[in-house]
Protein backbone atom coordinates (compact mmCIF):
# COMPACT_ATOMS: atom_id res chain seq x y z
CA UNK A 1 -88.19 -49.34 -173.54
CA UNK A 2 -85.28 -51.15 -172.10
CA UNK A 3 -85.15 -54.46 -174.34
CA UNK A 4 -86.16 -57.84 -172.75
CA UNK A 5 -88.41 -55.70 -170.10
CA UNK A 6 -92.02 -55.24 -170.02
CA UNK A 7 -94.55 -52.78 -168.81
CA UNK A 8 -94.10 -51.56 -164.97
CA UNK A 9 -97.46 -52.38 -164.24
CA UNK A 10 -96.86 -56.27 -165.08
CA UNK A 11 -94.19 -56.10 -162.49
CA UNK A 12 -94.61 -57.15 -159.03
CA UNK A 13 -94.10 -54.45 -156.49
CA UNK A 14 -90.26 -55.59 -155.35
CA UNK A 15 -89.14 -55.79 -159.09
CA UNK A 16 -90.82 -52.12 -159.90
CA UNK A 17 -88.70 -50.96 -156.74
CA UNK A 18 -85.91 -52.82 -157.82
CA UNK A 19 -86.14 -51.30 -161.09
CA UNK A 20 -85.83 -48.21 -159.69
CA UNK A 21 -82.78 -48.57 -157.50
CA UNK A 22 -80.82 -49.78 -160.26
CA UNK A 23 -78.36 -48.38 -161.79
CA UNK A 24 -80.12 -46.99 -165.18
CA UNK A 25 -81.54 -43.65 -166.09
CA UNK A 26 -84.87 -45.42 -166.46
CA UNK A 27 -87.24 -45.87 -164.64
CA UNK A 28 -86.88 -42.59 -162.94
CA UNK A 29 -88.33 -39.75 -161.20
CA UNK A 30 -90.77 -39.22 -164.22
CA UNK A 31 -92.29 -42.75 -163.93
CA UNK A 32 -92.21 -42.95 -159.87
CA UNK A 33 -94.67 -39.75 -160.21
CA UNK A 34 -96.82 -41.95 -162.80
CA UNK A 35 -96.85 -44.51 -160.42
CA UNK A 36 -97.92 -42.49 -157.25
CA UNK A 37 -100.52 -41.09 -159.31
CA UNK A 38 -101.71 -44.49 -160.10
CA UNK A 39 -101.69 -45.36 -156.31
CA UNK A 40 -103.73 -42.09 -155.62
CA UNK A 41 -106.22 -43.29 -158.11
CA UNK A 42 -106.57 -46.76 -156.98
CA UNK A 43 -107.05 -45.25 -153.31
CA UNK A 44 -109.78 -43.05 -154.61
CA UNK A 45 -111.72 -45.88 -156.52
CA UNK A 46 -111.68 -47.59 -153.20
CA UNK A 47 -113.29 -45.12 -151.33
CA UNK A 48 -115.48 -43.91 -153.90
CA UNK A 49 -116.54 -47.50 -154.09
CA UNK A 50 -117.86 -47.21 -150.69
CA UNK A 51 -120.22 -44.16 -151.73
CA UNK A 52 -123.60 -45.10 -153.08
CA UNK A 53 -124.25 -41.81 -154.34
CA UNK A 54 -124.16 -40.66 -158.07
CA UNK A 55 -121.34 -38.40 -157.31
CA UNK A 56 -119.39 -41.01 -155.80
CA UNK A 57 -119.77 -43.71 -158.72
CA UNK A 58 -118.52 -40.84 -160.99
CA UNK A 59 -115.54 -40.12 -158.96
CA UNK A 60 -114.72 -43.95 -158.68
CA UNK A 61 -114.81 -44.34 -162.82
CA UNK A 62 -112.76 -40.95 -163.26
CA UNK A 63 -110.07 -42.12 -160.75
CA UNK A 64 -110.12 -45.90 -162.57
CA UNK A 65 -109.35 -43.80 -166.09
CA UNK A 66 -107.09 -41.82 -164.48
CA UNK A 67 -105.33 -44.85 -162.47
CA UNK A 68 -104.87 -46.65 -166.25
CA UNK A 69 -103.71 -43.52 -167.80
CA UNK A 70 -100.84 -43.37 -165.07
CA UNK A 71 -99.48 -46.65 -165.75
CA UNK A 72 -99.41 -45.74 -169.59
CA UNK A 73 -97.89 -42.65 -168.89
CA UNK A 74 -95.11 -44.00 -166.57
CA UNK A 75 -93.86 -46.18 -169.61
CA UNK A 76 -94.27 -43.13 -171.80
CA UNK A 77 -91.80 -41.46 -169.02
CA UNK A 78 -89.60 -44.33 -168.78
CA UNK A 79 -88.72 -43.88 -172.53
CA UNK A 80 -88.79 -40.18 -173.10
CA UNK A 81 -85.72 -39.03 -171.66
CA UNK A 82 -83.30 -41.46 -174.14
CA UNK A 83 -83.08 -38.60 -176.61
CA UNK A 84 -81.70 -36.34 -173.84
CA UNK A 85 -78.90 -39.11 -173.51
CA UNK A 86 -78.47 -39.72 -176.89
CA UNK A 87 -77.65 -35.72 -177.62
CA UNK A 88 -75.75 -35.54 -174.15
CA UNK A 89 -73.37 -38.26 -175.71
CA UNK A 90 -72.43 -36.04 -178.36
CA UNK A 91 -69.09 -34.49 -178.25
CA UNK A 92 -69.35 -30.78 -176.99
CA UNK A 93 -67.74 -29.45 -180.04
CA UNK A 94 -70.54 -31.07 -182.27
CA UNK A 95 -72.41 -28.13 -183.66
CA UNK A 96 -75.83 -29.90 -183.50
CA UNK A 97 -75.51 -30.95 -179.71
CA UNK A 98 -77.16 -27.76 -178.03
CA UNK A 99 -80.01 -28.17 -180.61
CA UNK A 100 -80.51 -31.52 -180.52
CA UNK A 101 -80.53 -31.49 -176.43
CA UNK A 102 -82.81 -28.13 -176.62
CA UNK A 103 -84.97 -30.18 -178.29
CA UNK A 104 -84.91 -33.27 -176.62
CA UNK A 105 -85.53 -31.75 -173.34
CA UNK A 106 -88.45 -30.14 -174.76
CA UNK A 107 -89.58 -33.38 -175.71
CA UNK A 108 -89.05 -34.83 -172.56
CA UNK A 109 -91.06 -32.26 -170.88
CA UNK A 110 -94.46 -33.69 -172.14
CA UNK A 111 -94.62 -36.67 -170.23
CA UNK A 112 -94.07 -34.85 -166.89
CA UNK A 113 -96.58 -32.07 -167.71
CA UNK A 114 -99.04 -34.87 -168.56
CA UNK A 115 -98.47 -36.50 -164.77
CA UNK A 116 -98.81 -33.25 -163.11
CA UNK A 117 -102.16 -32.35 -165.07
CA UNK A 118 -103.34 -36.03 -163.79
CA UNK A 119 -102.04 -34.89 -160.16
CA UNK A 120 -103.75 -31.74 -160.32
CA UNK A 121 -106.80 -33.99 -161.71
CA UNK A 122 -106.78 -36.90 -158.66
CA UNK A 123 -106.53 -34.11 -156.31
CA UNK A 124 -109.61 -32.05 -157.12
CA UNK A 125 -111.20 -35.68 -157.30
CA UNK A 126 -109.75 -36.35 -154.09
CA UNK A 127 -111.41 -33.22 -152.76
CA UNK A 128 -114.85 -34.32 -153.93
CA UNK A 129 -114.65 -37.99 -152.67
CA UNK A 130 -113.54 -36.61 -149.17
CA UNK A 131 -117.12 -35.11 -149.35
CA UNK A 132 -119.04 -38.00 -149.82
CA UNK A 133 -117.13 -40.55 -147.88
CA UNK A 134 -117.64 -41.88 -144.46
CA UNK A 135 -115.52 -40.81 -141.56
CA UNK A 136 -113.84 -44.50 -141.72
CA UNK A 137 -112.58 -43.47 -145.41
CA UNK A 138 -111.83 -39.88 -144.74
CA UNK A 139 -108.03 -41.10 -144.30
CA UNK A 140 -108.09 -42.81 -147.76
CA UNK A 141 -109.29 -39.65 -149.90
CA UNK A 142 -106.74 -37.66 -147.57
CA UNK A 143 -103.75 -39.83 -148.65
CA UNK A 144 -105.14 -39.77 -152.17
CA UNK A 145 -105.11 -36.34 -152.26
CA UNK A 146 -101.31 -35.92 -150.72
CA UNK A 147 -100.11 -38.34 -153.08
CA UNK A 148 -101.52 -36.78 -156.05
CA UNK A 149 -100.56 -33.15 -154.93
CA UNK A 150 -96.64 -34.64 -154.20
CA UNK A 151 -96.66 -36.15 -157.73
CA UNK A 152 -98.01 -33.22 -159.34
CA UNK A 153 -95.10 -31.02 -157.38
CA UNK A 154 -92.60 -33.98 -158.26
CA UNK A 155 -93.61 -34.09 -162.21
CA UNK A 156 -93.65 -30.23 -162.34
CA UNK A 157 -90.34 -30.20 -160.95
CA UNK A 158 -89.22 -32.38 -163.79
CA UNK A 159 -90.75 -30.13 -166.41
CA UNK A 160 -88.74 -26.65 -164.74
CA UNK A 161 -85.45 -28.61 -164.84
CA UNK A 162 -86.09 -29.78 -168.52
CA UNK A 163 -87.23 -26.57 -169.59
CA UNK A 164 -84.71 -24.37 -167.31
CA UNK A 165 -82.87 -23.17 -170.31
CA UNK A 166 -86.21 -22.07 -171.92
CA UNK A 167 -87.55 -19.48 -169.25
CA UNK A 168 -90.47 -18.33 -171.59
CA UNK A 169 -91.83 -21.96 -172.76
CA UNK A 170 -95.76 -21.21 -171.93
CA UNK A 171 -95.56 -24.77 -170.30
CA UNK A 172 -93.49 -23.51 -167.28
CA UNK A 173 -96.61 -21.33 -166.98
CA UNK A 174 -98.99 -23.87 -167.18
CA UNK A 175 -97.00 -26.09 -164.87
CA UNK A 176 -97.26 -23.85 -162.54
CA UNK A 177 -100.85 -23.61 -162.69
CA UNK A 178 -101.61 -26.99 -161.97
CA UNK A 179 -99.15 -27.20 -158.87
CA UNK A 180 -101.14 -24.02 -157.45
CA UNK A 181 -104.74 -26.06 -158.64
CA UNK A 182 -103.22 -29.10 -156.61
């Protein structure tokens, strides 16, 4: 994490947006996908709060837990690309550069894979929520679903980019399945 900065979740939205717009590598696309998951989860919590059925309450609890996890993943993602940048700074003549870069890219794939998984889970919760809410809240559940699916696809794309040099990596198959399920 950048020195002197706290978690993105502790900042006003305008400052989060300013951080995203800064000419720095982090926070970037992965943290943004995680924050979109948090927004989707919050919408689902709100919609589920109006559903008095046990299923509605369960959806709200699951969405709340995922919202907390999304904020954690936004921070984890914010830090995960630093080893890639360090490896890229090595001279191209360095015999360890390729190995270090491949290892760093593999490591940097963990957070976006988790974000993609969360997006798929949230899309599933949204499908359950939309069935139980009043007509006045269908929009919230639908938008949450769209946000979750978009975050899943975005995070999956980051995994694909990071692992482009390793086409046999099983995480590519896993992330494709997550996108399909979302």
